[in-house]
Every structure is written in C-alpha cells, then in structure tokens.
PDB file of N, CA and C in Angstrom:
ATOM      1  N   MET A   1      16.575   8.598  14.340  1.00  0.00           N
ATOM      2  CA  MET A   1      16.958   7.464  15.159  1.00  0.00           C
ATOM      3  C   MET A   1      15.884   6.394  15.034  1.00  0.00           C
ATOM      4  N   ASN A   2      16.328   5.182  14.889  1.00  0.00           N
ATOM      5  CA  ASN A   2      15.378   4.078  14.804  1.00  0.00           C
ATOM      6  C   ASN A   2      15.802   2.990  15.786  1.00  0.00           C
ATOM      7  N   ASN A   3      15.887   3.366  17.061  1.00  0.00           N
ATOM      8  CA  ASN A   3      16.304   2.450  18.113  1.00  0.00           C
ATOM      9  C   ASN A   3      15.056   1.964  18.846  1.00  0.00           C
ATOM     10  N   PRO A   4      14.663   0.710  18.616  1.00  0.00           N
ATOM     11  CA  PRO A   4      13.423   0.211  19.230  1.00  0.00           C
ATOM     12  C   PRO A   4      13.414   0.310  20.756  1.00  0.00           C
ATOM     13  N   GLU A   5      14.557   0.067  21.386  1.00  0.00           N
ATOM     14  CA  GLU A   5      14.617   0.143  22.849  1.00  0.00           C
ATOM     15  C   GLU A   5      14.363   1.577  23.332  1.00  0.00           C
ATOM     16  N   MET A   6      14.977   2.542  22.663  1.00  0.00           N
ATOM     17  CA  MET A   6      14.783   3.945  23.040  1.00  0.00           C
ATOM     18  C   MET A   6      13.349   4.376  22.733  1.00  0.00           C
ATOM     19  N   ASN A   7      12.824   3.937  21.598  1.00  0.00           N
ATOM     20  CA  ASN A   7      11.435   4.268  21.263  1.00  0.00           C
ATOM     21  C   ASN A   7      10.474   3.730  22.318  1.00  0.00           C
ATOM     22  N   MET A   8      10.756   2.547  22.863  1.00  0.00           N
ATOM     23  CA  MET A   8       9.917   1.975  23.911  1.00  0.00           C
ATOM     24  C   MET A   8       9.980   2.841  25.167  1.00  0.00           C
ATOM     25  N   LYS A   9      11.175   3.312  25.506  1.00  0.00           N
ATOM     26  CA  LYS A   9      11.312   4.201  26.667  1.00  0.00           C
ATOM     27  C   LYS A   9      10.531   5.494  26.446  1.00  0.00           C
ATOM     28  N   PHE A  10      10.629   6.041  25.238  1.00  0.00           N
ATOM     29  CA  PHE A  10       9.897   7.269  24.927  1.00  0.00           C
ATOM     30  C   PHE A  10       8.393   7.031  25.011  1.00  0.00           C
ATOM     31  N   MET A  11       7.933   5.876  24.538  1.00  0.00           N
ATOM     32  CA  MET A  11       6.503   5.558  24.599  1.00  0.00           C
ATOM     33  C   MET A  11       6.054   5.441  26.054  1.00  0.00           C
ATOM     34  N   GLN A  12       6.899   4.858  26.900  1.00  0.00           N
ATOM     35  CA  GLN A  12       6.564   4.755  28.323  1.00  0.00           C
ATOM     36  C   GLN A  12       6.435   6.142  28.948  1.00  0.00           C
ATOM     37  N   ILE A  13       7.312   7.059  28.567  1.00  0.00           N
ATOM     38  CA  ILE A  13       7.231   8.434  29.069  1.00  0.00           C
ATOM     39  C   ILE A  13       5.938   9.082  28.589  1.00  0.00           C
ATOM     40  N   ALA A  14       5.623   8.914  27.315  1.00  0.00           N
ATOM     41  CA  ALA A  14       4.392   9.496  26.767  1.00  0.00           C
ATOM     42  C   ALA A  14       3.166   8.934  27.477  1.00  0.00           C
ATOM     43  N   MET A  15       3.163   7.624  27.728  1.00  0.00           N
ATOM     44  CA  MET A  15       2.022   6.999  28.408  1.00  0.00           C
ATOM     45  C   MET A  15       1.895   7.489  29.851  1.00  0.00           C
ATOM     46  N   LYS A  16       3.026   7.785  30.476  1.00  0.00           N
ATOM     47  CA  LYS A  16       3.012   8.287  31.848  1.00  0.00           C
ATOM     48  C   LYS A  16       2.284   9.634  31.923  1.00  0.00           C
ATOM     49  N   HIS A  17       2.436  10.442  30.887  1.00  0.00           N
ATOM     50  CA  HIS A  17       1.837  11.779  30.872  1.00  0.00           C
ATOM     51  C   HIS A  17       0.487  11.818  30.159  1.00  0.00           C
ATOM     52  N   LEU A  18       0.070  10.686  29.617  1.00  0.00           N
ATOM     53  CA  LEU A  18      -1.200  10.621  28.889  1.00  0.00           C
ATOM     54  C   LEU A  18      -2.401  11.063  29.726  1.00  0.00           C
ATOM     55  N   PRO A  19      -2.532  10.632  30.986  1.00  0.00           N
ATOM     56  CA  PRO A  19      -3.708  11.073  31.762  1.00  0.00           C
ATOM     57  C   PRO A  19      -3.805  12.597  31.889  1.00  0.00           C
ATOM     58  N   GLU A  20      -2.662  13.252  32.051  1.00  0.00           N
ATOM     59  CA  GLU A  20      -2.654  14.718  32.143  1.00  0.00           C
ATOM     60  C   GLU A  20      -3.127  15.345  30.829  1.00  0.00           C
ATOM     61  N   GLY A  21      -2.639  14.821  29.720  1.00  0.00           N
ATOM     62  CA  GLY A  21      -3.056  15.328  28.415  1.00  0.00           C
ATOM     63  C   GLY A  21      -4.523  15.063  28.143  1.00  0.00           C
ATOM     64  N   LYS A  22      -4.978  13.871  28.506  1.00  0.00           N
ATOM     65  CA  LYS A  22      -6.393  13.526  28.310  1.00  0.00           C
ATOM     66  C   LYS A  22      -7.284  14.427  29.154  1.00  0.00           C
ATOM     67  N   LYS A  23      -6.876  14.696  30.385  1.00  0.00           N
ATOM     68  CA  LYS A  23      -7.647  15.583  31.263  1.00  0.00           C
ATOM     69  C   LYS A  23      -7.750  16.977  30.644  1.00  0.00           C
ATOM     70  N   PHE A  24      -6.639  17.474  30.119  1.00  0.00           N
ATOM     71  CA  PHE A  24      -6.628  18.786  29.477  1.00  0.00           C
ATOM     72  C   PHE A  24      -7.623  18.825  28.316  1.00  0.00           C
ATOM     73  N   LEU A  25      -7.577  17.801  27.462  1.00  0.00           N
ATOM     74  CA  LEU A  25      -8.493  17.750  26.324  1.00  0.00           C
ATOM     75  C   LEU A  25      -9.940  17.628  26.786  1.00  0.00           C
ATOM     76  N   ASP A  26     -10.187  16.787  27.789  1.00  0.00           N
ATOM     77  CA  ASP A  26     -11.545  16.627  28.324  1.00  0.00           C
ATOM     78  C   ASP A  26     -12.086  17.953  28.844  1.00  0.00           C
ATOM     79  N   GLU A  27     -11.240  18.714  29.549  1.00  0.00           N
ATOM     80  CA  GLU A  27     -11.666  20.011  30.081  1.00  0.00           C
ATOM     81  C   GLU A  27     -11.997  20.997  28.969  1.00  0.00           C
ATOM     82  N   LYS A  28     -11.392  20.811  27.809  1.00  0.00           N
ATOM     83  CA  LYS A  28     -11.667  21.668  26.651  1.00  0.00           C
ATOM     84  C   LYS A  28     -12.856  21.159  25.847  1.00  0.00           C
ATOM     85  N   GLY A  29     -13.444  20.059  26.304  1.00  0.00           N
ATOM     86  CA  GLY A  29     -14.597  19.493  25.609  1.00  0.00           C
ATOM     87  C   GLY A  29     -14.231  18.632  24.421  1.00  0.00           C
ATOM     88  N   ILE A  30     -12.988  18.198  24.363  1.00  0.00           N
ATOM     89  CA  ILE A  30     -12.516  17.355  23.262  1.00  0.00           C
ATOM     90  C   ILE A  30     -12.434  15.924  23.769  1.00  0.00           C
ATOM     91  N   GLU A  31     -13.332  15.081  23.293  1.00  0.00           N
ATOM     92  CA  GLU A  31     -13.349  13.688  23.730  1.00  0.00           C
ATOM     93  C   GLU A  31     -12.598  12.825  22.724  1.00  0.00           C
ATOM     94  N   LEU A  32     -11.620  12.086  23.222  1.00  0.00           N
ATOM     95  CA  LEU A  32     -10.846  11.186  22.381  1.00  0.00           C
ATOM     96  C   LEU A  32     -10.726   9.840  23.068  1.00  0.00           C
ATOM     97  N   ASN A  33     -10.797   8.772  22.272  1.00  0.00           N
ATOM     98  CA  ASN A  33     -10.563   7.442  22.828  1.00  0.00           C
ATOM     99  C   ASN A  33      -9.110   7.045  22.545  1.00  0.00           C
ATOM    100  N   MET A  34      -8.707   5.884  23.014  1.00  0.00           N
ATOM    101  CA  MET A  34      -7.313   5.461  22.840  1.00  0.00           C
ATOM    102  C   MET A  34      -6.925   5.361  21.373  1.00  0.00           C
ATOM    103  N   GLU A  35      -7.857   4.954  20.533  1.00  0.00           N
ATOM    104  CA  GLU A  35      -7.567   4.870  19.096  1.00  0.00           C
ATOM    105  C   GLU A  35      -7.244   6.252  18.539  1.00  0.00           C
ATOM    106  N   ASP A  36      -7.977   7.262  19.003  1.00  0.00           N
ATOM    107  CA  ASP A  36      -7.735   8.635  18.560  1.00  0.00           C
ATOM    108  C   ASP A  36      -6.421   9.181  19.116  1.00  0.00           C
ATOM    109  N   LEU A  37      -6.043   8.725  20.305  1.00  0.00           N
ATOM    110  CA  LEU A  37      -4.839   9.238  20.954  1.00  0.00           C
ATOM    111  C   LEU A  37      -3.557   8.625  20.399  1.00  0.00           C
ATOM    112  N   GLN A  38      -3.652   7.484  19.725  1.00  0.00           N
ATOM    113  CA  GLN A  38      -2.457   6.801  19.218  1.00  0.00           C
ATOM    114  C   GLN A  38      -1.591   7.694  18.324  1.00  0.00           C
ATOM    115  N   PRO A  39      -2.162   8.424  17.360  1.00  0.00           N
ATOM    116  CA  PRO A  39      -1.316   9.304  16.546  1.00  0.00           C
ATOM    117  C   PRO A  39      -0.616  10.380  17.384  1.00  0.00           C
ATOM    118  N   MET A  40      -1.271  10.867  18.440  1.00  0.00           N
ATOM    119  CA  MET A  40      -0.643  11.863  19.306  1.00  0.00           C
ATOM    120  C   MET A  40       0.527  11.252  20.071  1.00  0.00           C
ATOM    121  N   LEU A  41       0.363  10.011  20.530  1.00  0.00           N
ATOM    122  CA  LEU A  41       1.464   9.335  21.213  1.00  0.00           C
ATOM    123  C   LEU A  41       2.650   9.150  20.268  1.00  0.00           C
ATOM    124  N   GLU A  42       2.375   8.792  19.028  1.00  0.00           N
ATOM    125  CA  GLU A  42       3.442   8.629  18.041  1.00  0.00           C
ATOM    126  C   GLU A  42       4.137   9.958  17.776  1.00  0.00           C
ATOM    127  N   LEU A  43       3.368  11.036  17.729  1.00  0.00           N
ATOM    128  CA  LEU A  43       3.948  12.365  17.551  1.00  0.00           C
ATOM    129  C   LEU A  43       4.872  12.701  18.720  1.00  0.00           C
ATOM    130  N   LEU A  44       4.425  12.427  19.950  1.00  0.00           N
ATOM    131  CA  LEU A  44       5.254  12.700  21.123  1.00  0.00           C
ATOM    132  C   LEU A  44       6.545  11.889  21.093  1.00  0.00           C
ATOM    133  N   VAL A  45       6.460  10.635  20.679  1.00  0.00           N
ATOM    134  CA  VAL A  45       7.657   9.800  20.575  1.00  0.00           C
ATOM    135  C   VAL A  45       8.611  10.392  19.542  1.00  0.00           C
ATOM    136  N   ASN A  46       8.089  10.854  18.421  1.00  0.00           N
ATOM    137  CA  ASN A  46       8.933  11.474  17.396  1.00  0.00           C
ATOM    138  C   ASN A  46       9.603  12.738  17.917  1.00  0.00           C
ATOM    139  N   VAL A  47       8.862  13.552  18.658  1.00  0.00           N
ATOM    140  CA  VAL A  47       9.425  14.781  19.227  1.00  0.00           C
ATOM    141  C   VAL A  47      10.539  14.438  20.216  1.00  0.00           C
ATOM    142  N   MET A  48      10.288  13.466  21.091  1.00  0.00           N
ATOM    143  CA  MET A  48      11.308  13.076  22.072  1.00  0.00           C
ATOM    144  C   MET A  48      12.546  12.516  21.383  1.00  0.00           C
ATOM    145  N   SER A  49      12.346  11.745  20.338  1.00  0.00           N
ATOM    146  CA  SER A  49      13.464  11.171  19.602  1.00  0.00           C
ATOM    147  C   SER A  49      14.300  12.266  18.951  1.00  0.00           C
ATOM    148  N   GLU A  50      13.632  13.226  18.335  1.00  0.00           N
ATOM    149  CA  GLU A  50      14.342  14.330  17.688  1.00  0.00           C
ATOM    150  C   GLU A  50      15.095  15.168  18.718  1.00  0.00           C
ATOM    151  N   ALA A  51      14.472  15.431  19.861  1.00  0.00           N
ATOM    152  CA  ALA A  51      15.130  16.198  20.922  1.00  0.00           C
ATOM    153  C   ALA A  51      16.341  15.434  21.464  1.00  0.00           C
ATOM    154  N   TYR A  52      16.211  14.128  21.595  1.00  0.00           N
ATOM    155  CA  TYR A  52      17.315  13.293  22.063  1.00  0.00           C
ATOM    156  C   TYR A  52      18.496  13.384  21.097  1.00  0.00           C
ATOM    157  N   GLU A  53      18.206  13.257  19.807  1.00  0.00           N
ATOM    158  CA  GLU A  53      19.265  13.335  18.795  1.00  0.00           C
ATOM    159  C   GLU A  53      19.922  14.715  18.797  1.00  0.00           C
ATOM    160  N   LEU A  54      19.134  15.765  18.954  1.00  0.00           N
ATOM    161  CA  LEU A  54      19.670  17.122  19.012  1.00  0.00           C
ATOM    162  C   LEU A  54      20.605  17.262  20.210  1.00  0.00           C
ATOM    163  N   GLY A  55      20.191  16.739  21.353  1.00  0.00           N
ATOM    164  CA  GLY A  55      21.037  16.782  22.542  1.00  0.00           C
ATOM    165  C   GLY A  55      22.336  16.028  22.351  1.00  0.00           C
ATOM    166  N   LYS A  56      22.267  14.882  21.679  1.00  0.00           N
ATOM    167  CA  LYS A  56      23.482  14.105  21.402  1.00  0.00           C
ATOM    168  C   LYS A  56      24.433  14.897  20.520  1.00  0.00           C
ATOM    169  N   GLU A  57      23.881  15.559  19.498  1.00  0.00           N
ATOM    170  CA  GLU A  57      24.712  16.337  18.576  1.00  0.00           C
ATOM    171  C   GLU A  57      25.375  17.514  19.288  1.00  0.00           C
ATOM    172  N   GLU A  58      24.646  18.154  20.196  1.00  0.00           N
ATOM    173  CA  GLU A  58      25.185  19.324  20.890  1.00  0.00           C
ATOM    174  C   GLU A  58      26.283  18.958  21.877  1.00  0.00           C
ATOM    175  N   THR A  59      26.325  17.716  22.324  1.00  0.00           N
ATOM    176  CA  THR A  59      27.364  17.310  23.269  1.00  0.00           C
ATOM    177  C   THR A  59      28.647  16.894  22.566  1.00  0.00           C
ATOM    178  N   LYS A  60      28.621  16.813  21.254  1.00  0.00           N
ATOM    179  CA  LYS A  60      29.832  16.424  20.499  1.00  0.00           C
ATOM    180  C   LYS A  60      30.751  17.604  20.321  1.00  0.00           C
TER     181      LYS A  60
END
C-alpha cells in the first residue's frame, strides 16, 4: 500500500508509542537519538501497513 494519508496515520500511531519504546531501550542501556530512531519508525509504519492490508484481504 502506498497511501500517504494512511501512512501519516500510521506514523502518528508510531510516534504516540515512541516514548514507551525509548524508555524500554533506555532501561536496557541502549541510547538512541531521533536520527537513530527514524529507521525504527519506518519499520513500524511498514508493519502496520502490511497488517492493515492483511486485514483488508481477510475481510473479502
């Protein structure tokens, strides 16, 4: 799926959960800045997009 509007919604969801993920990494002693976290956010958006498409297919 290459829907910019949906990708923006997915990015907003990922950003909402970013503090929880960052806290988890910090507790493990893994320090990352926003530049380092960008690829992880993109990965989360890809996962959400794929899950969304799978859900759409299963409802057909």
